[in-house]
Amino acid sequence: RLSATMVETLAGCMFEDIQYADIQVEAAVGRGTFGVVFKAVWKGKDVAIKTIESDNERNAFLVELRQLSRVNHSNIVKLYGFCDNPVCLVMEYAECGSLYNRKSYCV
């Protein structure tokens, strides 16, 4: 769960508090900066769920949550929100995978 201090740190950021029970997790698709990334369905759309695996990864989680909540651009993965139990980000699913692993653009 996110502590009260962590939630206070996120004040002013735009995202939705999502209930994990509303997400249908399908399969693990890789690893992110922290934790495992899963493909899932939320509100009828494909999403990526980024989890954290330890308390040490919470700072990276907060940084990514803060950064993604402040941007809105078609070339940046959209943040829909987060869950606090278990702690995870709910993001737009990028069908072609990570740019880090791509040698050419997905069309």
C-alpha atoms as a PDB file:
ATOM      1  CA  ARG A   1       0.000   0.000   0.000  1.00  0.00           C
ATOM      2  CA  LEU A   2       1.038   3.617  -0.493  1.00  0.00           C
ATOM      3  CA  SER A   3       1.759   5.464   2.728  1.00  0.00           C
ATOM      4  CA  ALA A   4       0.083   8.781   3.576  1.00  0.00           C
ATOM      5  CA  THR A   5       3.427  10.519   2.939  1.00  0.00           C
ATOM      6  CA  MET A   6       3.632   9.010  -0.538  1.00  0.00           C
ATOM      7  CA  VAL A   7       0.103  10.114  -1.392  1.00  0.00           C
ATOM      8  CA  GLU A   8       0.848  13.649  -0.132  1.00  0.00           C
ATOM      9  CA  THR A   9       3.883  13.718  -2.421  1.00  0.00           C
ATOM     10  CA  LEU A  10       1.540  13.086  -5.354  1.00  0.00           C
ATOM     11  CA  ALA A  11      -0.792  16.002  -4.615  1.00  0.00           C
ATOM     12  CA  GLY A  12      -1.598  17.963  -7.747  1.00  0.00           C
ATOM     13  CA  CYS A  13      -0.903  15.083 -10.122  1.00  0.00           C
ATOM     14  CA  MET A  14      -3.686  14.046 -12.507  1.00  0.00           C
ATOM     15  CA  PHE A  15      -4.563  10.329 -12.521  1.00  0.00           C
ATOM     16  CA  GLU A  16      -7.254   7.947 -11.351  1.00  0.00           C
ATOM     17  CA  ASP A  17      -7.220   5.805  -8.207  1.00  0.00           C
ATOM     18  CA  ILE A  18      -8.023   2.406  -9.767  1.00  0.00           C
ATOM     19  CA  GLN A  19      -9.324  -0.650  -7.941  1.00  0.00           C
ATOM     20  CA  TYR A  20      -7.204  -3.715  -8.747  1.00  0.00           C
ATOM     21  CA  ALA A  21     -10.368  -5.855  -8.754  1.00  0.00           C
ATOM     22  CA  ASP A  22     -11.511  -3.917 -11.861  1.00  0.00           C
ATOM     23  CA  ILE A  23      -8.464  -5.111 -13.841  1.00  0.00           C
ATOM     24  CA  GLN A  24      -8.255  -8.440 -15.676  1.00  0.00           C
ATOM     25  CA  VAL A  25      -4.580  -9.383 -15.826  1.00  0.00           C
ATOM     26  CA  GLU A  26      -3.712 -11.487 -18.885  1.00  0.00           C
ATOM     27  CA  ALA A  27       0.037 -12.173 -19.072  1.00  0.00           C
ATOM     28  CA  ALA A  28       3.485 -10.939 -18.073  1.00  0.00           C
ATOM     29  CA  VAL A  29       5.099  -9.122 -21.019  1.00  0.00           C
ATOM     30  CA  GLY A  30       8.399  -7.908 -19.580  1.00  0.00           C
ATOM     31  CA  ARG A  31      10.224  -5.886 -16.981  1.00  0.00           C
ATOM     32  CA  GLY A  32      10.239  -2.146 -16.491  1.00  0.00           C
ATOM     33  CA  THR A  33      12.408   0.202 -14.460  1.00  0.00           C
ATOM     34  CA  PHE A  34      10.880  -1.503 -11.487  1.00  0.00           C
ATOM     35  CA  GLY A  35       8.973  -4.759 -11.200  1.00  0.00           C
ATOM     36  CA  VAL A  36       7.122  -6.766 -13.802  1.00  0.00           C
ATOM     37  CA  VAL A  37       4.916  -5.455 -16.623  1.00  0.00           C
ATOM     38  CA  PHE A  38       1.659  -7.277 -17.389  1.00  0.00           C
ATOM     39  CA  LYS A  39      -0.813  -6.928 -20.232  1.00  0.00           C
ATOM     40  CA  ALA A  40      -4.323  -6.520 -18.835  1.00  0.00           C
ATOM     41  CA  VAL A  41      -7.795  -5.218 -19.623  1.00  0.00           C
ATOM     42  CA  TRP A  42      -9.402  -2.315 -17.743  1.00  0.00           C
ATOM     43  CA  LYS A  43     -12.713  -0.698 -18.715  1.00  0.00           C
ATOM     44  CA  GLY A  44     -12.688  -2.674 -21.973  1.00  0.00           C
ATOM     45  CA  LYS A  45      -9.274  -1.476 -23.172  1.00  0.00           C
ATOM     46  CA  ASP A  46      -5.852  -3.087 -23.245  1.00  0.00           C
ATOM     47  CA  VAL A  47      -3.556  -1.656 -20.576  1.00  0.00           C
ATOM     48  CA  ALA A  48      -0.096  -2.297 -19.191  1.00  0.00           C
ATOM     49  CA  ILE A  49       0.216  -2.867 -15.452  1.00  0.00           C
ATOM     50  CA  LYS A  50       3.629  -2.016 -13.965  1.00  0.00           C
ATOM     51  CA  THR A  51       4.142  -3.518 -10.530  1.00  0.00           C
ATOM     52  CA  ILE A  52       6.768  -2.997  -7.869  1.00  0.00           C
ATOM     53  CA  GLU A  53       8.430  -5.908  -6.156  1.00  0.00           C
ATOM     54  CA  SER A  54      10.010  -4.313  -3.091  1.00  0.00           C
ATOM     55  CA  ASP A  55       9.881  -1.273  -0.848  1.00  0.00           C
ATOM     56  CA  ASN A  56      13.151  -0.078  -2.411  1.00  0.00           C
ATOM     57  CA  GLU A  57      11.346   0.388  -5.737  1.00  0.00           C
ATOM     58  CA  ARG A  58       8.725   2.766  -4.309  1.00  0.00           C
ATOM     59  CA  ASN A  59      10.798   5.870  -5.047  1.00  0.00           C
ATOM     60  CA  ALA A  60      11.155   4.875  -8.721  1.00  0.00           C
ATOM     61  CA  PHE A  61       7.405   4.198  -8.755  1.00  0.00           C
ATOM     62  CA  LEU A  62       6.649   7.680  -7.394  1.00  0.00           C
ATOM     63  CA  VAL A  63       9.001   9.364  -9.866  1.00  0.00           C
ATOM     64  CA  GLU A  64       7.389   7.590 -12.826  1.00  0.00           C
ATOM     65  CA  LEU A  65       3.889   8.272 -11.507  1.00  0.00           C
ATOM     66  CA  ARG A  66       4.695  11.981 -11.084  1.00  0.00           C
ATOM     67  CA  GLN A  67       6.331  12.294 -14.503  1.00  0.00           C
ATOM     68  CA  LEU A  68       3.647  10.466 -16.477  1.00  0.00           C
ATOM     69  CA  SER A  69       0.802  12.260 -14.698  1.00  0.00           C
ATOM     70  CA  ARG A  70       2.138  15.623 -15.881  1.00  0.00           C
ATOM     71  CA  VAL A  71       2.360  14.864 -19.608  1.00  0.00           C
ATOM     72  CA  ASN A  72      -0.228  14.372 -22.301  1.00  0.00           C
ATOM     73  CA  HIS A  73       1.191  13.697 -25.752  1.00  0.00           C
ATOM     74  CA  SER A  74       0.423  11.148 -28.460  1.00  0.00           C
ATOM     75  CA  ASN A  75       4.074   9.987 -28.462  1.00  0.00           C
ATOM     76  CA  ILE A  76       4.160   9.283 -24.726  1.00  0.00           C
ATOM     77  CA  VAL A  77       2.446   6.316 -23.083  1.00  0.00           C
ATOM     78  CA  LYS A  78      -0.686   7.542 -21.293  1.00  0.00           C
ATOM     79  CA  LEU A  79      -1.029   7.028 -17.563  1.00  0.00           C
ATOM     80  CA  TYR A  80      -4.591   6.079 -16.606  1.00  0.00           C
ATOM     81  CA  GLY A  81      -3.964   5.772 -12.878  1.00  0.00           C
ATOM     82  CA  PHE A  82      -2.604   3.559 -10.163  1.00  0.00           C
ATOM     83  CA  CYS A  83      -3.626   0.939  -7.627  1.00  0.00           C
ATOM     84  CA  ASP A  84      -2.424   1.041  -4.063  1.00  0.00           C
ATOM     85  CA  ASN A  85      -3.071  -2.608  -3.189  1.00  0.00           C
ATOM     86  CA  PRO A  86      -1.075  -4.073  -4.816  1.00  0.00           C
ATOM     87  CA  VAL A  87       0.930  -1.000  -5.800  1.00  0.00           C
ATOM     88  CA  CYS A  88       1.013  -0.678  -9.589  1.00  0.00           C
ATOM     89  CA  LEU A  89       0.679   1.795 -12.462  1.00  0.00           C
ATOM     90  CA  VAL A  90      -2.117   1.375 -15.012  1.00  0.00           C
ATOM     91  CA  MET A  91      -0.910   2.666 -18.372  1.00  0.00           C
ATOM     92  CA  GLU A  92      -1.701   2.605 -22.071  1.00  0.00           C
ATOM     93  CA  TYR A  93      -0.591  -0.685 -23.608  1.00  0.00           C
ATOM     94  CA  ALA A  94       2.062  -0.207 -26.310  1.00  0.00           C
ATOM     95  CA  GLU A  95       1.424  -3.076 -28.724  1.00  0.00           C
ATOM     96  CA  CYS A  96       4.953  -2.998 -30.181  1.00  0.00           C
ATOM     97  CA  GLY A  97       6.707  -3.155 -26.823  1.00  0.00           C
ATOM     98  CA  SER A  98       9.489  -1.060 -25.378  1.00  0.00           C
ATOM     99  CA  LEU A  99      11.393   1.431 -27.559  1.00  0.00           C
ATOM    100  CA  TYR A 100      14.515   0.320 -25.722  1.00  0.00           C
ATOM    101  CA  ASN A 101      14.252  -3.063 -27.470  1.00  0.00           C
ATOM    102  CA  ARG A 102      13.193  -1.760 -30.899  1.00  0.00           C
ATOM    103  CA  LYS A 103      15.581  -1.278 -33.818  1.00  0.00           C
ATOM    104  CA  SER A 104      12.914   0.140 -36.101  1.00  0.00           C
ATOM    105  CA  TYR A 105       9.549   1.802 -35.651  1.00  0.00           C
ATOM    106  CA  CYS A 106       6.378  -0.237 -35.397  1.00  0.00           C
ATOM    107  CA  VAL A 107       3.919   0.769 -38.101  1.00  0.00           C
END
